[in-house]
Amino acid sequence: VPVEKGDWRNLSRASGAADRDPAWSPDGQHVAWFSDASGEYQLMIGDPAGVEPPRAIGLPGPAFYYQPTWAPTSDRIAYTDTDRTLWILDVASGRSTRVDGDAYAHPERSMNPVWAPGGRYLAYAKRGGNQFRRVWVFDTETGDAHAVTDGLADAFSPAWDASGDALYVLASTDLGVGS
């Protein structure tokens, strides 16, 4: 819905589908969301005016998908799936690349990717063998991921500062994983 003087728009135009998790591109040119209108979830990318039909992009497999998160450059989208896999989709090609995965199922889905300003780095949290989460950073230029917390505390919710030079995390140093 426009902020001032405007009407809402139905971008998906699919009454019998589960359309969810809309996300604006940082450049304001597109909206991305997940839709099961085809029978399997796809990532849809549409123009905010709703003039052109949205583009449907196939996803890696039959799963439930979460939280499309645009890179600041509006050329990639990070998302996760029910298999606890983190993906990055190249918007131009429609190709998804596996970044990492969380080996432990937990009702609290915690990967929640966050792009650094500039879009080179992607931070996220995943569980270790002790069930504490560690914060990881993926470098899109090198394809390398490395942990930035040590696993001795439950670390989560990474957030970049505006310059992209510092990464803040929440951590609990007295969490006891009980039986």
N, C-alpha and C. Protein backbone atom coordinates (compact mmCIF):
# COMPACT_ATOMS: atom_id res chain seq x y z
N VAL A 1 0.86 -1.17 0.00
CA VAL A 1 0.00 0.00 0.00
C VAL A 1 0.90 1.23 0.00
N PRO A 2 0.70 2.15 -0.92
CA PRO A 2 1.49 3.38 -0.90
C PRO A 2 1.28 4.14 0.41
N VAL A 3 2.29 4.84 0.86
CA VAL A 3 2.22 5.57 2.11
C VAL A 3 1.16 6.67 2.04
N GLU A 4 1.11 7.36 0.92
CA GLU A 4 0.13 8.44 0.77
C GLU A 4 -0.65 8.27 -0.53
N LYS A 5 -1.94 8.49 -0.45
CA LYS A 5 -2.83 8.57 -1.60
C LYS A 5 -2.61 7.45 -2.63
N GLY A 6 -3.01 6.28 -2.26
CA GLY A 6 -2.88 5.19 -3.22
C GLY A 6 -3.68 3.99 -2.79
N ASP A 7 -3.82 3.08 -3.69
CA ASP A 7 -4.56 1.85 -3.44
C ASP A 7 -3.60 0.69 -3.26
N TRP A 8 -4.06 -0.31 -2.53
CA TRP A 8 -3.28 -1.53 -2.39
C TRP A 8 -3.27 -2.26 -3.72
N ARG A 9 -2.30 -3.14 -3.90
CA ARG A 9 -2.18 -3.92 -5.14
C ARG A 9 -2.02 -5.39 -4.80
N ASN A 10 -2.66 -6.24 -5.55
CA ASN A 10 -2.51 -7.67 -5.40
C ASN A 10 -1.42 -8.10 -6.39
N LEU A 11 -0.20 -8.25 -5.91
CA LEU A 11 0.91 -8.60 -6.79
C LEU A 11 0.89 -10.06 -7.23
N SER A 12 0.39 -10.94 -6.39
CA SER A 12 0.44 -12.37 -6.72
C SER A 12 -0.71 -12.80 -7.61
N ARG A 13 -1.86 -12.19 -7.44
CA ARG A 13 -3.05 -12.53 -8.22
C ARG A 13 -3.35 -14.03 -8.19
N ALA A 14 -3.12 -14.65 -7.03
CA ALA A 14 -3.32 -16.09 -6.89
C ALA A 14 -4.14 -16.36 -5.64
N SER A 15 -5.45 -16.49 -5.80
CA SER A 15 -6.32 -16.65 -4.64
C SER A 15 -6.21 -18.03 -4.00
N GLY A 16 -5.82 -19.04 -4.75
CA GLY A 16 -5.76 -20.39 -4.20
C GLY A 16 -4.37 -20.81 -3.79
N ALA A 17 -3.48 -19.85 -3.55
CA ALA A 17 -2.09 -20.18 -3.23
C ALA A 17 -1.68 -19.60 -1.89
N ALA A 18 -0.67 -20.21 -1.31
CA ALA A 18 -0.06 -19.65 -0.10
C ALA A 18 1.07 -18.75 -0.56
N ASP A 19 0.82 -17.46 -0.56
CA ASP A 19 1.83 -16.46 -0.88
C ASP A 19 2.27 -15.84 0.42
N ARG A 20 3.58 -15.85 0.71
CA ARG A 20 4.03 -15.39 2.01
C ARG A 20 5.44 -14.84 2.00
N ASP A 21 5.78 -14.18 3.07
CA ASP A 21 7.10 -13.60 3.32
C ASP A 21 7.53 -12.58 2.27
N PRO A 22 6.71 -11.57 1.99
CA PRO A 22 7.13 -10.57 1.01
C PRO A 22 8.31 -9.75 1.53
N ALA A 23 9.21 -9.39 0.60
CA ALA A 23 10.39 -8.59 0.95
C ALA A 23 10.71 -7.63 -0.19
N TRP A 24 10.82 -6.35 0.13
CA TRP A 24 11.19 -5.32 -0.86
C TRP A 24 12.67 -5.41 -1.16
N SER A 25 13.04 -5.22 -2.42
CA SER A 25 14.45 -5.10 -2.77
C SER A 25 14.94 -3.74 -2.27
N PRO A 26 16.20 -3.64 -1.87
CA PRO A 26 16.70 -2.36 -1.37
C PRO A 26 16.60 -1.21 -2.38
N ASP A 27 16.66 -1.52 -3.67
CA ASP A 27 16.53 -0.45 -4.67
C ASP A 27 15.07 -0.08 -4.93
N GLY A 28 14.13 -0.79 -4.30
CA GLY A 28 12.71 -0.48 -4.43
C GLY A 28 12.08 -0.90 -5.75
N GLN A 29 12.82 -1.64 -6.57
CA GLN A 29 12.33 -2.02 -7.90
C GLN A 29 11.55 -3.32 -7.93
N HIS A 30 11.70 -4.15 -6.88
CA HIS A 30 11.06 -5.47 -6.89
C HIS A 30 10.56 -5.86 -5.50
N VAL A 31 9.64 -6.80 -5.49
CA VAL A 31 9.19 -7.46 -4.27
C VAL A 31 9.35 -8.96 -4.50
N ALA A 32 9.94 -9.65 -3.54
CA ALA A 32 10.10 -11.10 -3.63
C ALA A 32 9.21 -11.75 -2.58
N TRP A 33 8.68 -12.93 -2.90
CA TRP A 33 7.90 -13.69 -1.93
C TRP A 33 7.88 -15.15 -2.37
N PHE A 34 7.48 -16.02 -1.46
CA PHE A 34 7.33 -17.44 -1.77
C PHE A 34 5.87 -17.72 -2.09
N SER A 35 5.66 -18.60 -3.08
CA SER A 35 4.30 -18.98 -3.47
C SER A 35 4.27 -20.46 -3.83
N ASP A 36 3.18 -21.12 -3.45
CA ASP A 36 2.99 -22.52 -3.84
C ASP A 36 1.92 -22.66 -4.93
N ALA A 37 1.69 -21.60 -5.70
CA ALA A 37 0.65 -21.62 -6.73
C ALA A 37 0.87 -22.72 -7.77
N SER A 38 2.13 -23.11 -8.01
CA SER A 38 2.43 -24.15 -9.00
C SER A 38 2.30 -25.56 -8.44
N GLY A 39 2.09 -25.68 -7.14
CA GLY A 39 2.05 -26.99 -6.49
C GLY A 39 3.28 -27.21 -5.62
N GLU A 40 4.38 -26.57 -5.94
CA GLU A 40 5.60 -26.57 -5.13
C GLU A 40 5.99 -25.11 -4.92
N TYR A 41 6.69 -24.85 -3.83
CA TYR A 41 7.09 -23.47 -3.58
C TYR A 41 8.07 -22.98 -4.63
N GLN A 42 7.86 -21.75 -5.05
CA GLN A 42 8.74 -21.02 -5.95
C GLN A 42 9.00 -19.66 -5.34
N LEU A 43 10.09 -19.04 -5.76
CA LEU A 43 10.34 -17.66 -5.37
C LEU A 43 9.78 -16.78 -6.47
N MET A 44 8.94 -15.87 -6.09
CA MET A 44 8.32 -14.96 -7.05
C MET A 44 8.99 -13.60 -6.91
N ILE A 45 9.25 -12.95 -8.03
CA ILE A 45 9.80 -11.60 -8.02
C ILE A 45 8.91 -10.76 -8.93
N GLY A 46 8.31 -9.74 -8.34
CA GLY A 46 7.38 -8.90 -9.08
C GLY A 46 7.70 -7.43 -8.94
N ASP A 47 7.15 -6.64 -9.86
CA ASP A 47 7.33 -5.21 -9.75
C ASP A 47 6.27 -4.67 -8.78
N PRO A 48 6.63 -3.68 -7.97
CA PRO A 48 5.71 -3.19 -6.94
C PRO A 48 4.43 -2.58 -7.49
N ALA A 49 4.44 -2.15 -8.73
CA ALA A 49 3.23 -1.56 -9.32
C ALA A 49 2.23 -2.63 -9.71
N GLY A 50 2.67 -3.87 -9.85
CA GLY A 50 1.78 -4.95 -10.22
C GLY A 50 1.36 -4.93 -11.68
N VAL A 51 2.09 -4.20 -12.51
CA VAL A 51 1.75 -4.09 -13.92
C VAL A 51 2.16 -5.36 -14.68
N GLU A 52 3.40 -5.80 -14.47
CA GLU A 52 3.90 -7.00 -15.14
C GLU A 52 3.62 -8.23 -14.27
N PRO A 53 3.36 -9.37 -14.89
CA PRO A 53 3.21 -10.59 -14.08
C PRO A 53 4.53 -10.92 -13.37
N PRO A 54 4.47 -11.47 -12.17
CA PRO A 54 5.71 -11.78 -11.46
C PRO A 54 6.48 -12.92 -12.14
N ARG A 55 7.78 -12.89 -11.95
CA ARG A 55 8.67 -13.94 -12.45
C ARG A 55 8.71 -15.06 -11.41
N ALA A 56 8.53 -16.31 -11.85
CA ALA A 56 8.59 -17.47 -10.95
C ALA A 56 9.94 -18.15 -11.11
N ILE A 57 10.63 -18.35 -10.01
CA ILE A 57 11.94 -18.99 -10.02
C ILE A 57 11.85 -20.29 -9.23
N GLY A 58 12.21 -21.39 -9.87
CA GLY A 58 12.20 -22.69 -9.21
C GLY A 58 13.22 -22.75 -8.09
N LEU A 59 12.88 -23.48 -7.05
CA LEU A 59 13.75 -23.61 -5.88
C LEU A 59 14.36 -25.01 -5.86
N PRO A 60 15.40 -25.23 -5.03
CA PRO A 60 16.16 -26.47 -5.08
C PRO A 60 15.40 -27.78 -4.91
N GLY A 61 14.27 -27.79 -4.27
CA GLY A 61 13.54 -29.04 -4.10
C GLY A 61 12.25 -28.82 -3.36
N PRO A 62 11.47 -29.90 -3.19
CA PRO A 62 10.21 -29.76 -2.46
C PRO A 62 10.49 -29.55 -0.97
N ALA A 63 10.20 -28.37 -0.50
CA ALA A 63 10.44 -28.02 0.90
C ALA A 63 9.61 -26.79 1.21
N PHE A 64 9.66 -26.38 2.46
CA PHE A 64 9.05 -25.13 2.89
C PHE A 64 10.20 -24.13 2.99
N TYR A 65 10.01 -22.94 2.51
CA TYR A 65 11.09 -21.95 2.46
C TYR A 65 10.77 -20.76 3.35
N TYR A 66 11.84 -20.13 3.85
CA TYR A 66 11.70 -19.06 4.82
C TYR A 66 12.47 -17.81 4.42
N GLN A 67 11.88 -16.68 4.68
CA GLN A 67 12.53 -15.40 4.82
C GLN A 67 13.45 -14.99 3.66
N PRO A 68 12.90 -14.63 2.51
CA PRO A 68 13.79 -14.11 1.47
C PRO A 68 14.41 -12.79 1.94
N THR A 69 15.72 -12.71 1.88
CA THR A 69 16.46 -11.54 2.38
C THR A 69 17.34 -11.00 1.26
N TRP A 70 16.99 -9.83 0.76
CA TRP A 70 17.72 -9.23 -0.34
C TRP A 70 19.10 -8.75 0.10
N ALA A 71 20.09 -8.92 -0.80
CA ALA A 71 21.40 -8.29 -0.61
C ALA A 71 21.23 -6.79 -0.81
N PRO A 72 22.05 -5.97 -0.19
CA PRO A 72 21.94 -4.51 -0.36
C PRO A 72 22.07 -4.06 -1.82
N THR A 73 22.69 -4.88 -2.64
CA THR A 73 22.89 -4.58 -4.06
C THR A 73 21.70 -4.99 -4.92
N SER A 74 20.70 -5.61 -4.32
CA SER A 74 19.47 -6.05 -5.00
C SER A 74 19.71 -7.08 -6.10
N ASP A 75 20.85 -7.76 -6.07
CA ASP A 75 21.14 -8.75 -7.11
C ASP A 75 21.11 -10.19 -6.61
N ARG A 76 20.98 -10.38 -5.28
CA ARG A 76 20.94 -11.72 -4.69
C ARG A 76 19.93 -11.74 -3.55
N ILE A 77 19.45 -12.94 -3.29
CA ILE A 77 18.50 -13.15 -2.19
C ILE A 77 18.97 -14.37 -1.40
N ALA A 78 19.10 -14.21 -0.09
CA ALA A 78 19.40 -15.33 0.79
C ALA A 78 18.08 -15.85 1.35
N TYR A 79 18.00 -17.17 1.55
CA TYR A 79 16.81 -17.78 2.15
C TYR A 79 17.18 -19.11 2.75
N THR A 80 16.31 -19.66 3.58
CA THR A 80 16.54 -20.97 4.20
C THR A 80 15.36 -21.89 3.90
N ASP A 81 15.54 -23.19 4.19
CA ASP A 81 14.47 -24.15 3.95
C ASP A 81 14.26 -25.05 5.16
N THR A 82 13.28 -25.94 5.07
CA THR A 82 12.95 -26.82 6.20
C THR A 82 14.05 -27.82 6.52
N ASP A 83 14.96 -28.04 5.59
CA ASP A 83 16.08 -28.94 5.85
C ASP A 83 17.23 -28.20 6.51
N ARG A 84 16.97 -26.97 6.97
CA ARG A 84 17.96 -26.14 7.66
C ARG A 84 19.15 -25.82 6.76
N THR A 85 18.86 -25.55 5.50
CA THR A 85 19.89 -25.21 4.53
C THR A 85 19.79 -23.73 4.20
N LEU A 86 20.94 -23.07 4.09
CA LEU A 86 21.01 -21.67 3.73
C LEU A 86 21.42 -21.57 2.26
N TRP A 87 20.66 -20.81 1.49
CA TRP A 87 20.87 -20.66 0.06
C TRP A 87 21.05 -19.20 -0.30
N ILE A 88 21.77 -18.95 -1.40
CA ILE A 88 21.81 -17.62 -2.01
C ILE A 88 21.38 -17.79 -3.47
N LEU A 89 20.39 -16.99 -3.86
CA LEU A 89 19.88 -17.02 -5.22
C LEU A 89 20.42 -15.81 -5.98
N ASP A 90 20.96 -16.06 -7.16
CA ASP A 90 21.36 -14.98 -8.07
C ASP A 90 20.11 -14.57 -8.83
N VAL A 91 19.67 -13.34 -8.67
CA VAL A 91 18.40 -12.90 -9.24
C VAL A 91 18.42 -12.96 -10.77
N ALA A 92 19.52 -12.54 -11.39
CA ALA A 92 19.58 -12.51 -12.85
C ALA A 92 19.45 -13.90 -13.46
N SER A 93 20.20 -14.87 -12.94
CA SER A 93 20.20 -16.21 -13.52
C SER A 93 19.10 -17.11 -12.93
N GLY A 94 18.63 -16.80 -11.72
CA GLY A 94 17.66 -17.65 -11.05
C GLY A 94 18.29 -18.88 -10.42
N ARG A 95 19.63 -18.92 -10.36
CA ARG A 95 20.34 -20.08 -9.83
C ARG A 95 20.58 -19.94 -8.33
N SER A 96 20.25 -20.99 -7.58
CA SER A 96 20.49 -21.01 -6.14
C SER A 96 21.76 -21.79 -5.84
N THR A 97 22.55 -21.28 -4.90
CA THR A 97 23.77 -21.93 -4.47
C THR A 97 23.68 -22.21 -2.98
N ARG A 98 24.01 -23.44 -2.60
CA ARG A 98 24.00 -23.82 -1.19
C ARG A 98 25.18 -23.15 -0.49
N VAL A 99 24.89 -22.48 0.63
CA VAL A 99 25.93 -21.80 1.41
C VAL A 99 26.36 -22.67 2.58
N ASP A 100 25.41 -23.18 3.34
CA ASP A 100 25.72 -23.92 4.56
C ASP A 100 24.44 -24.61 5.02
N GLY A 101 24.57 -25.41 6.05
CA GLY A 101 23.41 -26.07 6.63
C GLY A 101 23.58 -26.24 8.12
N ASP A 102 22.48 -26.33 8.81
CA ASP A 102 22.47 -26.57 10.24
C ASP A 102 22.12 -28.03 10.45
N ALA A 103 22.97 -28.77 11.10
CA ALA A 103 22.78 -30.22 11.25
C ALA A 103 21.72 -30.60 12.27
N TYR A 104 21.30 -29.63 13.11
CA TYR A 104 20.41 -29.96 14.21
C TYR A 104 19.05 -29.30 14.06
N ALA A 105 18.00 -30.14 14.06
CA ALA A 105 16.64 -29.62 13.99
C ALA A 105 16.28 -29.01 15.34
N HIS A 106 15.63 -27.88 15.28
CA HIS A 106 15.21 -27.20 16.49
C HIS A 106 14.01 -26.33 16.12
N PRO A 107 12.98 -26.27 16.96
CA PRO A 107 11.82 -25.46 16.62
C PRO A 107 12.16 -23.98 16.44
N GLU A 108 13.25 -23.55 17.05
CA GLU A 108 13.69 -22.18 16.94
C GLU A 108 14.66 -22.08 15.75
N ARG A 109 14.12 -21.82 14.60
CA ARG A 109 14.97 -21.73 13.40
C ARG A 109 15.86 -20.50 13.53
N SER A 110 17.16 -20.74 13.57
CA SER A 110 18.04 -19.64 13.97
C SER A 110 19.03 -19.18 12.92
N MET A 111 19.02 -19.70 11.72
CA MET A 111 20.03 -19.28 10.76
C MET A 111 19.85 -17.80 10.39
N ASN A 112 18.64 -17.38 10.13
CA ASN A 112 18.28 -15.98 9.90
C ASN A 112 19.41 -15.13 9.29
N PRO A 113 19.68 -15.28 8.01
CA PRO A 113 20.80 -14.58 7.38
C PRO A 113 20.64 -13.07 7.37
N VAL A 114 21.78 -12.38 7.52
CA VAL A 114 21.82 -10.92 7.54
C VAL A 114 22.97 -10.47 6.65
N TRP A 115 22.67 -9.67 5.64
CA TRP A 115 23.69 -9.17 4.71
C TRP A 115 24.45 -8.00 5.34
N ALA A 116 25.75 -7.95 5.06
CA ALA A 116 26.56 -6.79 5.43
C ALA A 116 26.32 -5.69 4.40
N PRO A 117 26.47 -4.42 4.79
CA PRO A 117 26.39 -3.35 3.81
C PRO A 117 27.40 -3.63 2.68
N GLY A 118 27.01 -3.42 1.48
CA GLY A 118 27.87 -3.73 0.34
C GLY A 118 27.58 -5.10 -0.26
N GLY A 119 27.04 -6.02 0.54
CA GLY A 119 26.59 -7.31 0.03
C GLY A 119 27.65 -8.38 -0.15
N ARG A 120 28.87 -8.16 0.32
CA ARG A 120 29.89 -9.20 0.16
C ARG A 120 29.72 -10.31 1.19
N TYR A 121 29.36 -9.95 2.43
CA TYR A 121 29.31 -10.91 3.52
C TYR A 121 27.87 -11.18 3.96
N LEU A 122 27.66 -12.42 4.39
CA LEU A 122 26.37 -12.84 4.92
C LEU A 122 26.63 -13.50 6.27
N ALA A 123 26.01 -12.99 7.33
CA ALA A 123 26.16 -13.56 8.67
C ALA A 123 24.92 -14.36 9.01
N TYR A 124 25.10 -15.42 9.79
CA TYR A 124 24.00 -16.29 10.20
C TYR A 124 24.45 -17.10 11.41
N ALA A 125 23.49 -17.75 12.07
CA ALA A 125 23.81 -18.58 13.24
C ALA A 125 23.38 -20.01 12.95
N LYS A 126 24.19 -20.95 13.42
CA LYS A 126 23.81 -22.36 13.33
C LYS A 126 24.30 -23.09 14.58
N ARG A 127 23.65 -24.21 14.87
CA ARG A 127 23.95 -24.96 16.10
C ARG A 127 25.17 -25.86 15.93
N GLY A 128 25.91 -25.95 17.02
CA GLY A 128 27.04 -26.87 17.08
C GLY A 128 26.63 -28.14 17.81
N GLY A 129 27.57 -29.05 17.96
CA GLY A 129 27.30 -30.31 18.63
C GLY A 129 26.85 -30.16 20.07
N ASN A 130 27.23 -29.07 20.72
CA ASN A 130 26.79 -28.83 22.10
C ASN A 130 25.44 -28.11 22.16
N GLN A 131 24.81 -27.91 21.01
CA GLN A 131 23.51 -27.26 20.86
C GLN A 131 23.55 -25.76 21.07
N PHE A 132 24.73 -25.20 21.31
CA PHE A 132 24.88 -23.74 21.33
C PHE A 132 25.02 -23.28 19.88
N ARG A 133 24.45 -22.11 19.60
CA ARG A 133 24.59 -21.55 18.27
C ARG A 133 25.90 -20.77 18.17
N ARG A 134 26.50 -20.84 17.00
CA ARG A 134 27.69 -20.04 16.68
C ARG A 134 27.32 -19.14 15.52
N VAL A 135 27.88 -17.96 15.49
CA VAL A 135 27.66 -17.04 14.37
C VAL A 135 28.76 -17.28 13.35
N TRP A 136 28.34 -17.39 12.11
CA TRP A 136 29.22 -17.64 10.97
C TRP A 136 29.10 -16.48 9.99
N VAL A 137 30.16 -16.28 9.21
CA VAL A 137 30.16 -15.28 8.14
C VAL A 137 30.58 -15.98 6.86
N PHE A 138 29.77 -15.80 5.81
CA PHE A 138 30.05 -16.34 4.48
C PHE A 138 30.53 -15.20 3.59
N ASP A 139 31.64 -15.42 2.90
CA ASP A 139 32.20 -14.44 1.97
C ASP A 139 31.76 -14.82 0.56
N THR A 140 30.94 -13.99 -0.06
CA THR A 140 30.40 -14.33 -1.39
C THR A 140 31.47 -14.27 -2.47
N GLU A 141 32.57 -13.58 -2.24
CA GLU A 141 33.62 -13.51 -3.25
C GLU A 141 34.51 -14.75 -3.25
N THR A 142 34.83 -15.27 -2.06
CA THR A 142 35.72 -16.43 -1.97
C THR A 142 34.96 -17.75 -1.83
N GLY A 143 33.70 -17.68 -1.38
CA GLY A 143 32.93 -18.89 -1.13
C GLY A 143 33.25 -19.55 0.20
N ASP A 144 34.02 -18.87 1.04
CA ASP A 144 34.42 -19.41 2.34
C ASP A 144 33.48 -18.95 3.44
N ALA A 145 33.25 -19.85 4.40
CA ALA A 145 32.48 -19.53 5.60
C ALA A 145 33.36 -19.81 6.80
N HIS A 146 33.30 -18.95 7.80
CA HIS A 146 34.05 -19.21 9.02
C HIS A 146 33.26 -18.71 10.23
N ALA A 147 33.45 -19.42 11.33
CA ALA A 147 32.79 -19.06 12.58
C ALA A 147 33.47 -17.84 13.18
N VAL A 148 32.67 -16.91 13.69
CA VAL A 148 33.22 -15.73 14.34
C VAL A 148 32.96 -15.74 15.84
N THR A 149 32.26 -16.75 16.33
CA THR A 149 32.12 -16.97 17.77
C THR A 149 32.63 -18.36 18.08
N ASP A 150 32.96 -18.62 19.35
CA ASP A 150 33.72 -19.83 19.69
C ASP A 150 32.90 -21.05 20.12
N GLY A 151 31.61 -20.93 20.29
CA GLY A 151 30.82 -22.09 20.70
C GLY A 151 30.78 -22.31 22.19
N LEU A 152 31.42 -21.45 22.97
CA LEU A 152 31.36 -21.57 24.43
C LEU A 152 30.18 -20.81 25.01
N ALA A 153 29.51 -20.04 24.17
CA ALA A 153 28.30 -19.32 24.55
C ALA A 153 27.28 -19.53 23.44
N ASP A 154 26.02 -19.39 23.74
CA ASP A 154 24.97 -19.50 22.73
C ASP A 154 24.87 -18.14 22.03
N ALA A 155 25.41 -18.02 20.82
CA ALA A 155 25.48 -16.74 20.09
C ALA A 155 24.50 -16.76 18.93
N PHE A 156 23.81 -15.64 18.73
CA PHE A 156 22.76 -15.57 17.71
C PHE A 156 22.47 -14.12 17.37
N SER A 157 21.52 -13.88 16.47
CA SER A 157 21.06 -12.55 16.06
C SER A 157 22.18 -11.62 15.62
N PRO A 158 22.98 -12.02 14.62
CA PRO A 158 24.02 -11.11 14.15
C PRO A 158 23.41 -9.85 13.53
N ALA A 159 24.12 -8.74 13.70
CA ALA A 159 23.70 -7.46 13.12
C ALA A 159 24.96 -6.68 12.75
N TRP A 160 25.04 -6.23 11.51
CA TRP A 160 26.18 -5.44 11.05
C TRP A 160 26.00 -3.97 11.42
N ASP A 161 27.11 -3.28 11.68
CA ASP A 161 27.01 -1.84 11.84
C ASP A 161 26.89 -1.23 10.44
N ALA A 162 26.57 0.06 10.37
CA ALA A 162 26.29 0.71 9.08
C ALA A 162 27.48 0.68 8.14
N SER A 163 28.71 0.64 8.65
CA SER A 163 29.89 0.62 7.79
C SER A 163 30.20 -0.79 7.30
N GLY A 164 29.69 -1.81 7.97
CA GLY A 164 30.01 -3.19 7.64
C GLY A 164 31.33 -3.65 8.24
N ASP A 165 31.95 -2.81 9.07
CA ASP A 165 33.23 -3.15 9.68
C ASP A 165 33.09 -3.93 10.98
N ALA A 166 31.93 -3.85 11.60
CA ALA A 166 31.72 -4.54 12.88
C ALA A 166 30.45 -5.38 12.80
N LEU A 167 30.50 -6.54 13.44
CA LEU A 167 29.36 -7.43 13.53
C LEU A 167 29.03 -7.60 15.00
N TYR A 168 27.79 -7.31 15.37
CA TYR A 168 27.34 -7.45 16.74
C TYR A 168 26.51 -8.73 16.84
N VAL A 169 26.59 -9.40 17.97
CA VAL A 169 25.80 -10.61 18.20
C VAL A 169 25.24 -10.58 19.62
N LEU A 170 24.15 -11.27 19.81
CA LEU A 170 23.65 -11.53 21.16
C LEU A 170 24.23 -12.87 21.58
N ALA A 171 24.54 -13.01 22.87
CA ALA A 171 25.09 -14.27 23.35
C ALA A 171 24.70 -14.49 24.80
N SER A 172 24.43 -15.73 25.13
CA SER A 172 24.15 -16.10 26.50
C SER A 172 25.29 -16.97 26.99
N THR A 173 25.97 -16.48 28.01
CA THR A 173 27.10 -17.24 28.54
C THR A 173 26.73 -18.16 29.69
N ASP A 174 25.46 -18.13 30.09
CA ASP A 174 25.05 -19.01 31.18
C ASP A 174 23.86 -19.90 30.81
N LEU A 175 23.67 -20.12 29.53
CA LEU A 175 22.59 -21.00 29.07
C LEU A 175 22.97 -22.44 29.40
N GLY A 176 22.08 -23.17 30.00
CA GLY A 176 22.32 -24.57 30.29
C GLY A 176 21.37 -25.42 29.47
N VAL A 177 21.91 -26.19 28.55
CA VAL A 177 21.07 -27.07 27.75
C VAL A 177 20.74 -28.25 28.63
N GLY A 178 19.50 -28.31 29.11
CA GLY A 178 19.11 -29.32 30.09
C GLY A 178 18.58 -30.60 29.45
N SER A 179 18.35 -31.52 30.30
CA SER A 179 17.80 -32.80 29.84
C SER A 179 16.33 -32.86 30.14
